[in-house]
Amino acid sequence: VPDPVVRSPEDLHALLVSEGVTVLSQTPSAFYALQAADALAPEPRLSLEAVVFGGEALEPQRLAPWLDAHPDSPRLINMYGITET
């Protein structure tokens, strides 16, 4: 994914939709920004089946808006800390 797209939550959202991405690995900070972009563009829908978080601590309470908007939410997997111990 080109760097300018990665740095733009709106462009990344559009790419994920157009490519039908089903598995996404992101830092929580990047996902929070993507979550905001998704809230602004509820259609078309993402095809995500799993989101893997790593690289920094996840704040689960910040996912509440995502979970409310996506009752059929993909699996959310927190991988942070597994290799840090």
C-alpha atoms as a PDB file:
ATOM      1  CA  VAL A   1       0.000   0.000   0.000  1.00  0.00           C
ATOM      2  CA  PRO A   2       1.517   3.353  -0.977  1.00  0.00           C
ATOM      3  CA  ASP A   3       2.629   5.493   1.971  1.00  0.00           C
ATOM      4  CA  PRO A   4       0.269   8.414   1.157  1.00  0.00           C
ATOM      5  CA  VAL A   5      -2.689   6.010   1.258  1.00  0.00           C
ATOM      6  CA  VAL A   6      -1.561   4.503   4.563  1.00  0.00           C
ATOM      7  CA  ARG A   7      -1.327   7.990   6.060  1.00  0.00           C
ATOM      8  CA  SER A   8      -4.834   8.977   4.943  1.00  0.00           C
ATOM      9  CA  PRO A   9      -7.607   7.164   6.830  1.00  0.00           C
ATOM     10  CA  GLU A  10     -10.132   8.146   4.154  1.00  0.00           C
ATOM     11  CA  ASP A  11      -7.961   6.850   1.300  1.00  0.00           C
ATOM     12  CA  LEU A  12      -7.136   3.682   3.213  1.00  0.00           C
ATOM     13  CA  HIS A  13     -10.836   3.099   3.877  1.00  0.00           C
ATOM     14  CA  ALA A  14     -11.583   3.507   0.161  1.00  0.00           C
ATOM     15  CA  LEU A  15      -8.784   1.078  -0.742  1.00  0.00           C
ATOM     16  CA  LEU A  16      -9.949  -1.521   1.787  1.00  0.00           C
ATOM     17  CA  VAL A  17     -13.467  -1.326   0.347  1.00  0.00           C
ATOM     18  CA  SER A  18     -12.406  -1.416  -3.317  1.00  0.00           C
ATOM     19  CA  GLU A  19     -10.026  -4.350  -2.807  1.00  0.00           C
ATOM     20  CA  GLY A  20     -12.407  -6.269  -0.546  1.00  0.00           C
ATOM     21  CA  VAL A  21      -9.755  -6.704   2.143  1.00  0.00           C
ATOM     22  CA  THR A  22     -10.807  -9.286   4.729  1.00  0.00           C
ATOM     23  CA  VAL A  23      -7.833  -9.302   7.154  1.00  0.00           C
ATOM     24  CA  LEU A  24      -6.225  -6.087   8.398  1.00  0.00           C
ATOM     25  CA  SER A  25      -3.214  -5.687  10.684  1.00  0.00           C
ATOM     26  CA  GLN A  26      -2.824  -2.214  12.196  1.00  0.00           C
ATOM     27  CA  THR A  27      -1.672  -0.316  15.218  1.00  0.00           C
ATOM     28  CA  PRO A  28      -4.557   0.763  17.431  1.00  0.00           C
ATOM     29  CA  SER A  29      -3.845   4.445  16.660  1.00  0.00           C
ATOM     30  CA  ALA A  30      -4.181   3.839  12.932  1.00  0.00           C
ATOM     31  CA  PHE A  31      -7.365   1.851  13.464  1.00  0.00           C
ATOM     32  CA  TYR A  32      -8.940   4.594  15.597  1.00  0.00           C
ATOM     33  CA  ALA A  33      -8.376   6.986  12.666  1.00  0.00           C
ATOM     34  CA  LEU A  34      -9.792   4.420  10.218  1.00  0.00           C
ATOM     35  CA  GLN A  35     -12.764   3.973  12.546  1.00  0.00           C
ATOM     36  CA  ALA A  36     -13.468   7.724  12.303  1.00  0.00           C
ATOM     37  CA  ALA A  37     -13.213   7.627   8.488  1.00  0.00           C
ATOM     38  CA  ASP A  38     -15.591   4.660   8.411  1.00  0.00           C
ATOM     39  CA  ALA A  39     -18.128   6.584  10.516  1.00  0.00           C
ATOM     40  CA  LEU A  40     -18.086   9.394   7.935  1.00  0.00           C
ATOM     41  CA  ALA A  41     -18.595   6.975   5.030  1.00  0.00           C
ATOM     42  CA  PRO A  42     -20.919   4.200   6.234  1.00  0.00           C
ATOM     43  CA  GLU A  43     -21.492   3.087   2.635  1.00  0.00           C
ATOM     44  CA  PRO A  44     -19.888   1.265   0.974  1.00  0.00           C
ATOM     45  CA  ARG A  45     -19.176  -1.287   3.662  1.00  0.00           C
ATOM     46  CA  LEU A  46     -15.865  -2.824   4.596  1.00  0.00           C
ATOM     47  CA  SER A  47     -15.445  -6.580   4.059  1.00  0.00           C
ATOM     48  CA  LEU A  48     -13.235  -7.136   7.090  1.00  0.00           C
ATOM     49  CA  GLU A  49     -13.414 -10.545   8.757  1.00  0.00           C
ATOM     50  CA  ALA A  50     -10.515  -9.978  11.184  1.00  0.00           C
ATOM     51  CA  VAL A  51      -8.523  -7.028  12.510  1.00  0.00           C
ATOM     52  CA  VAL A  52      -5.196  -7.772  14.207  1.00  0.00           C
ATOM     53  CA  PHE A  53      -3.836  -5.086  16.539  1.00  0.00           C
ATOM     54  CA  GLY A  54      -0.161  -4.765  17.452  1.00  0.00           C
ATOM     55  CA  GLY A  55       2.670  -2.324  17.966  1.00  0.00           C
ATOM     56  CA  GLU A  56       1.098  -0.443  20.867  1.00  0.00           C
ATOM     57  CA  ALA A  57      -1.402  -0.926  23.665  1.00  0.00           C
ATOM     58  CA  LEU A  58      -5.031  -1.261  22.641  1.00  0.00           C
ATOM     59  CA  GLU A  59      -7.692   0.770  24.473  1.00  0.00           C
ATOM     60  CA  PRO A  60     -10.735  -1.507  24.065  1.00  0.00           C
ATOM     61  CA  GLN A  61     -13.206   1.168  25.195  1.00  0.00           C
ATOM     62  CA  ARG A  62     -12.255   3.228  22.128  1.00  0.00           C
ATOM     63  CA  LEU A  63     -13.674   0.466  19.917  1.00  0.00           C
ATOM     64  CA  ALA A  64     -17.219   0.979  21.263  1.00  0.00           C
ATOM     65  CA  PRO A  65     -18.341   3.230  18.360  1.00  0.00           C
ATOM     66  CA  TRP A  66     -17.001   0.663  15.873  1.00  0.00           C
ATOM     67  CA  LEU A  67     -18.780  -2.206  17.613  1.00  0.00           C
ATOM     68  CA  ASP A  68     -22.033  -0.211  17.792  1.00  0.00           C
ATOM     69  CA  ALA A  69     -21.869   0.588  14.066  1.00  0.00           C
ATOM     70  CA  HIS A  70     -20.833  -2.949  13.099  1.00  0.00           C
ATOM     71  CA  PRO A  71     -22.964  -5.452  15.018  1.00  0.00           C
ATOM     72  CA  ASP A  72     -21.658  -8.145  12.655  1.00  0.00           C
ATOM     73  CA  SER A  73     -18.156  -6.958  13.544  1.00  0.00           C
ATOM     74  CA  PRO A  74     -15.066  -8.799  12.361  1.00  0.00           C
ATOM     75  CA  ARG A  75     -12.967 -10.656  14.896  1.00  0.00           C
ATOM     76  CA  LEU A  76     -10.748  -8.216  16.783  1.00  0.00           C
ATOM     77  CA  ILE A  77      -7.427  -9.747  17.852  1.00  0.00           C
ATOM     78  CA  ASN A  78      -5.034  -7.968  20.207  1.00  0.00           C
ATOM     79  CA  MET A  79      -1.467  -9.221  19.621  1.00  0.00           C
ATOM     80  CA  TYR A  80       0.297  -6.478  21.580  1.00  0.00           C
ATOM     81  CA  GLY A  81       2.504  -7.703  24.372  1.00  0.00           C
ATOM     82  CA  ILE A  82       2.925 -11.285  23.219  1.00  0.00           C
ATOM     83  CA  THR A  83       6.600 -10.829  22.303  1.00  0.00           C
ATOM     84  CA  GLU A  84       7.313  -8.052  24.806  1.00  0.00           C
ATOM     85  CA  THR A  85       7.421 -10.337  27.858  1.00  0.00           C
END
